[in-house]
Protein backbone atom coordinates (compact mmCIF):
# COMPACT_ATOMS: atom_id res chain seq x y z
CA UNK A 1 158.44 -11.44 105.37
CA UNK A 2 158.40 -7.27 106.31
CA UNK A 3 158.74 -5.02 103.74
CA UNK A 4 160.62 -1.71 104.93
CA UNK A 5 160.55 0.06 101.78
CA UNK A 6 159.17 0.71 98.46
CA UNK A 7 160.72 1.69 95.15
CA UNK A 8 158.24 2.24 92.75
CA UNK A 9 160.28 2.23 88.65
CA UNK A 10 157.61 3.51 85.83
CA UNK A 11 157.83 4.86 82.80
CA UNK A 12 154.53 7.29 82.40
CA UNK A 13 154.26 9.89 80.01
CA UNK A 14 150.61 11.01 80.83
CA UNK A 15 151.15 10.59 84.58
CA UNK A 16 148.84 7.24 84.12
CA UNK A 17 151.25 4.76 85.10
CA UNK A 18 152.97 6.80 88.05
CA UNK A 19 149.36 7.07 89.52
CA UNK A 20 148.82 3.55 89.37
CA UNK A 21 151.98 2.44 91.27
CA UNK A 22 151.37 5.18 93.28
CA UNK A 23 148.37 3.75 94.63
CA UNK A 24 149.04 0.00 94.89
CA UNK A 25 151.88 1.70 97.24
CA UNK A 26 149.10 2.80 99.61
CA UNK A 27 148.58 -0.66 100.28
CA UNK A 28 151.64 -0.55 102.67
CA UNK A 29 151.07 2.43 105.17
CA UNK A 30 153.84 3.89 106.90
CA UNK A 31 156.79 2.64 104.12
CA UNK A 32 159.35 4.34 103.00
CA UNK A 33 158.56 5.22 99.24
CA UNK A 34 161.60 6.19 96.49
CA UNK A 35 160.82 6.77 92.94
CA UNK A 36 162.42 5.60 89.90
CA UNK A 37 161.16 7.53 87.24
CA UNK A 38 162.53 5.86 84.09
CA UNK A 39 160.38 8.71 81.35
CA UNK A 40 162.26 11.79 80.48
CA UNK A 41 165.07 11.70 78.27
CA UNK A 42 167.88 11.33 80.69
CA UNK A 43 167.25 8.41 81.96
CA UNK A 44 168.23 6.64 78.50
CA UNK A 45 171.89 7.23 79.70
CA UNK A 46 171.73 7.51 83.52
CA UNK A 47 173.45 4.87 85.32
CA UNK A 48 171.21 3.18 88.58
CA UNK A 49 171.91 1.73 91.56
CA UNK A 50 171.27 -1.63 91.97
CA UNK A 51 167.76 -2.60 93.62
CA UNK A 52 168.10 -3.86 96.87
CA UNK A 53 166.16 -4.02 100.03
CA UNK A 54 162.59 -3.64 100.10
CA UNK A 55 159.74 -4.30 97.67
CA UNK A 56 160.02 -2.87 93.53
CA UNK A 57 156.80 -1.97 91.86
CA UNK A 58 157.20 -1.74 88.47
CA UNK A 59 154.89 -0.06 86.01
CA UNK A 60 154.95 0.18 82.03
CA UNK A 61 152.50 1.33 80.02
CA UNK A 62 151.35 -0.93 77.01
CA UNK A 63 151.63 0.59 73.25
CA UNK A 64 150.31 -2.03 70.57
CA UNK A 65 149.99 -5.08 72.80
CA UNK A 66 153.47 -4.72 74.16
CA UNK A 67 155.86 -2.75 76.55
CA UNK A 68 157.05 0.49 74.85
CA UNK A 69 160.68 -0.34 72.96
CA UNK A 70 162.16 3.02 74.64
CA UNK A 71 160.68 1.88 78.41
CA UNK A 72 162.17 -1.54 78.03
CA UNK A 73 165.63 -0.28 77.05
CA UNK A 74 165.85 2.12 80.27
CA UNK A 75 164.52 -0.51 82.52
CA UNK A 76 167.07 -2.91 81.17
CA UNK A 77 170.12 -0.39 83.01
CA UNK A 78 168.56 -1.60 86.59
CA UNK A 79 169.96 -4.65 88.14
CA UNK A 80 167.14 -6.79 90.87
CA UNK A 81 169.41 -7.92 92.71
CA UNK A 82 167.12 -10.45 93.80
CA UNK A 83 164.37 -7.95 94.78
CA UNK A 84 160.64 -9.03 94.86
CA UNK A 85 158.62 -7.19 92.68
CA UNK A 86 155.15 -6.49 91.78
CA UNK A 87 154.69 -5.96 87.97
CA UNK A 88 151.82 -4.05 86.79
CA UNK A 89 151.11 -3.17 83.49
CA UNK A 90 148.45 -0.47 82.11
CA UNK A 91 146.46 -0.53 79.02
CA UNK A 92 143.97 1.71 77.39
CA UNK A 93 141.21 -0.70 77.42
CA UNK A 94 141.41 -2.88 74.13
CA UNK A 95 143.63 -5.80 75.70
CA UNK A 96 147.17 -5.88 77.41
CA UNK A 97 148.14 -9.10 74.93
CA UNK A 98 151.38 -10.12 75.69
CA UNK A 99 152.80 -7.05 77.80
CA UNK A 100 152.00 -8.22 81.15
CA UNK A 101 154.04 -12.06 80.44
CA UNK A 102 157.02 -9.35 78.53
CA UNK A 103 157.27 -7.12 81.71
CA UNK A 104 157.13 -10.49 84.01
CA UNK A 105 160.02 -12.11 81.88
CA UNK A 106 162.00 -9.14 81.60
CA UNK A 107 162.03 -8.90 85.51
CA UNK A 108 162.70 -11.86 85.49
CA UNK A 109 165.96 -11.26 83.37
CA UNK A 110 167.30 -8.45 85.10
CA UNK A 111 167.23 -10.01 88.18
CA UNK A 112 163.97 -9.26 90.30
CA UNK A 113 161.35 -11.97 91.27
CA UNK A 114 158.12 -11.48 90.70
CA UNK A 115 155.29 -11.91 93.46
CA UNK A 116 152.68 -10.63 92.27
CA UNK A 117 151.18 -8.50 88.91
CA UNK A 118 148.37 -6.59 87.49
CA UNK A 119 146.73 -5.41 84.19
CA UNK A 120 144.92 -1.65 84.84
CA UNK A 121 142.85 0.20 82.65
CA UNK A 122 144.47 4.05 81.72
CA UNK A 123 143.08 6.58 79.50
CA UNK A 124 144.16 5.56 76.19
CA UNK A 125 147.02 7.84 74.32
CA UNK A 126 144.72 8.17 71.39
CA UNK A 127 141.89 9.63 73.51
CA UNK A 128 140.48 13.47 73.04
CA UNK A 129 137.55 15.80 73.70
CA UNK A 130 135.93 14.67 70.63
CA UNK A 131 136.90 10.76 70.98
CA UNK A 132 136.68 9.72 74.69
CA UNK A 133 138.27 6.35 75.21
CA UNK A 134 138.81 5.05 78.79
CA UNK A 135 138.47 8.77 79.72
CA UNK A 136 139.98 9.73 83.22
CA UNK A 137 140.92 6.15 83.92
CA UNK A 138 142.40 5.06 86.04
CA UNK A 139 139.59 7.08 87.76
CA UNK A 140 139.07 6.57 91.90
CA UNK A 141 137.34 3.04 91.56
CA UNK A 142 140.28 1.63 89.96
CA UNK A 143 142.93 3.35 92.28
CA UNK A 144 141.06 2.11 95.36
CA UNK A 145 141.49 -1.47 93.63
CA UNK A 146 144.89 -0.74 93.03
CA UNK A 147 145.29 0.27 96.97
CA UNK A 148 143.35 -3.03 97.47
CA UNK A 149 145.94 -4.89 95.83
CA UNK A 150 148.73 -3.51 97.43
CA UNK A 151 147.09 -4.17 100.97
CA UNK A 152 146.73 -8.03 99.38
CA UNK A 153 150.21 -7.92 98.71
CA UNK A 154 151.64 -6.74 102.42
CA UNK A 155 149.49 -9.32 103.88
CA UNK A 156 150.40 -12.09 101.83
CA UNK A 157 154.04 -11.29 102.47
CA UNK A 158 153.32 -11.22 105.86
CA UNK A 159 152.56 -14.44 106.11
CA UNK A 160 155.50 -15.79 104.31
CA UNK A 161 159.31 -15.92 106.36
CA UNK A 162 161.45 -16.72 102.75
CA UNK A 163 161.01 -15.84 99.56
CA UNK A 164 162.18 -19.21 99.08
CA UNK A 165 158.71 -20.48 99.79
CA UNK A 166 157.49 -18.43 96.35
CA UNK A 167 156.69 -20.22 93.25
CA UNK A 168 157.18 -18.48 89.81
CA UNK A 169 154.91 -16.05 88.74
CA UNK A 170 152.18 -17.01 86.08
CA UNK A 171 150.39 -14.55 84.21
CA UNK A 172 148.23 -15.00 80.73
CA UNK A 173 150.45 -14.24 77.55
CA UNK A 174 151.88 -15.61 74.42
CA UNK A 175 155.17 -17.06 74.06
CA UNK A 176 156.58 -16.05 71.53
CA UNK A 177 155.24 -12.75 72.06
CA UNK A 178 152.75 -11.25 69.25
CA UNK A 179 154.35 -8.75 67.14
CA UNK A 180 154.56 -4.65 68.46
CA UNK A 181 151.64 -3.33 66.88
CA UNK A 182 152.35 0.35 66.72
CA UNK A 183 152.34 3.20 63.57
CA UNK A 184 155.04 4.36 62.02
CA UNK A 185 155.50 7.92 60.54
CA UNK A 186 153.18 9.44 62.14
CA UNK A 187 153.08 11.88 65.22
CA UNK A 188 151.24 14.96 66.65
CA UNK A 189 152.03 17.94 64.88
CA UNK A 190 151.60 21.93 66.22
CA UNK A 191 148.75 24.13 64.59
CA UNK A 192 151.09 27.32 64.03
CA UNK A 193 148.00 29.28 64.61
CA UNK A 194 146.93 27.68 68.42
CA UNK A 195 150.81 27.39 69.24
CA UNK A 196 151.95 29.60 71.50
CA UNK A 197 155.77 28.41 71.26
CA UNK A 198 155.80 27.90 75.42
CA UNK A 199 157.73 24.61 74.88
CA UNK A 200 155.52 22.41 77.00
CA UNK A 201 155.45 19.98 74.24
CA UNK A 202 159.26 19.62 73.83
CA UNK A 203 159.71 19.47 78.11
CA UNK A 204 157.27 16.88 78.23
CA UNK A 205 158.63 14.59 75.11
CA UNK A 206 159.99 11.46 76.79
CA UNK A 207 162.35 10.87 73.71
CA UNK A 208 162.93 14.59 73.17
CA UNK A 209 161.47 14.05 69.65
CA UNK A 210 160.29 18.03 69.64
CA UNK A 211 162.38 20.75 69.26
CA UNK A 212 161.67 24.76 68.34
CA UNK A 213 162.87 25.31 64.65
CA UNK A 214 162.71 28.88 62.97
CA UNK A 215 159.76 29.75 65.57
CA UNK A 216 158.21 26.66 65.10
CA UNK A 217 157.53 23.33 66.97
CA UNK A 218 158.99 20.31 65.14
CA UNK A 219 158.72 16.85 65.94
CA UNK A 220 161.28 14.11 64.77
CA UNK A 221 158.93 11.25 63.57
CA UNK A 222 161.24 9.01 63.46
CA UNK A 223 161.58 9.64 67.91
CA UNK A 224 158.03 9.64 68.21
CA UNK A 225 156.66 6.65 70.05
CA UNK A 226 152.70 8.54 70.03
CA UNK A 227 152.57 8.34 73.85
CA UNK A 228 150.86 11.67 73.03
CA UNK A 229 152.33 13.41 76.42
CA UNK A 230 152.56 16.85 74.53
CA UNK A 231 148.97 16.30 72.95
CA UNK A 232 147.66 16.06 76.58
CA UNK A 233 149.96 18.78 78.39
CA UNK A 234 149.69 21.40 75.49
CA UNK A 235 148.31 24.55 77.24
CA UNK A 236 146.07 25.73 74.63
CA UNK A 237 145.07 22.46 72.55
CA UNK A 238 147.64 23.19 69.96
CA UNK A 239 148.82 19.76 69.32
CA UNK A 240 147.07 17.38 67.50
CA UNK A 241 147.08 14.06 65.94
CA UNK A 242 145.59 14.39 62.51
CA UNK A 243 146.45 11.34 60.79
CA UNK A 244 143.69 9.78 59.26
CA UNK A 245 145.01 6.42 60.48
CA UNK A 246 144.87 7.39 64.14
CA UNK A 247 141.42 8.64 63.16
CA UNK A 248 140.14 4.84 62.12
CA UNK A 249 142.02 3.67 65.28
CA UNK A 250 139.89 5.90 67.72
CA UNK A 251 136.85 4.75 65.61
CA UNK A 252 137.33 0.91 66.08
CA UNK A 253 138.18 1.40 70.03
CA UNK A 254 135.25 3.21 70.54
CA UNK A 255 133.17 1.02 68.62
CA UNK A 256 134.40 -2.63 69.44
CA UNK A 257 136.14 -1.57 73.03
CA UNK A 258 133.43 0.99 75.24
CA UNK A 259 132.65 -1.50 77.47
CA UNK A 260 134.60 -1.16 81.27
CA UNK A 261 136.95 -3.39 81.88
CA UNK A 262 138.25 -3.85 85.23
CA UNK A 263 141.97 -4.67 86.66
CA UNK A 264 142.87 -8.25 86.72
CA UNK A 265 145.57 -9.64 89.32
CA UNK A 266 147.75 -12.56 89.79
CA UNK A 267 149.34 -14.14 92.76
CA UNK A 268 152.38 -16.50 93.20
CA UNK A 269 152.33 -15.88 97.21
């Protein structure tokens, strides 16, 4: 079965998931690649054309062992239209829990036909210069593995004539899913002595939670999803996560989950 085009569909506030799905696409050389980026606020209300020919690669980050609710809502605006799909999640070296099975189920619900799946490691949202958690991952080794994963999918597709030959995709996870474990009532804040009011934090926020009010950058805690795009993109280091609960989580992650974890991949082909 020949694949002539790829559609990369992803939610990627800190660009790590985008890097991953782009690396998987490298396993399909000379194939047309289109990006469908669900990250920024306008995608929450945008109308998307139905998916059609080719292969979809759907990538999502893992927050608290599950898919981000905002990302799920945006993905639900897409009709898979029986398009074969690769579903992948990116987690911060602790565990992906039920995020991969949740993404598989969501893809099926939307009309995609999952044929392969993967769980890769990316730098944790809470990682900073003082507490490194999966620092700079996916690194070159991860991206090489991702491209090899893509090439393996292409080879397997070449060996079949119809998707009717493909059994249902099986991945690890619990049904019902475990609870969504994320902190509430906390967000990064700006240090007014360092902040230059450049507005970069507001520009990269996927939920539009950051605005300038009275010459200060103010965050709507209720809208913040703790992706930390604002922290990682601040040009002066003026955005911080100061809540003690975050500090406790950072310490736990470093003490218990510093050993390098490797990608896990699954095929139905």
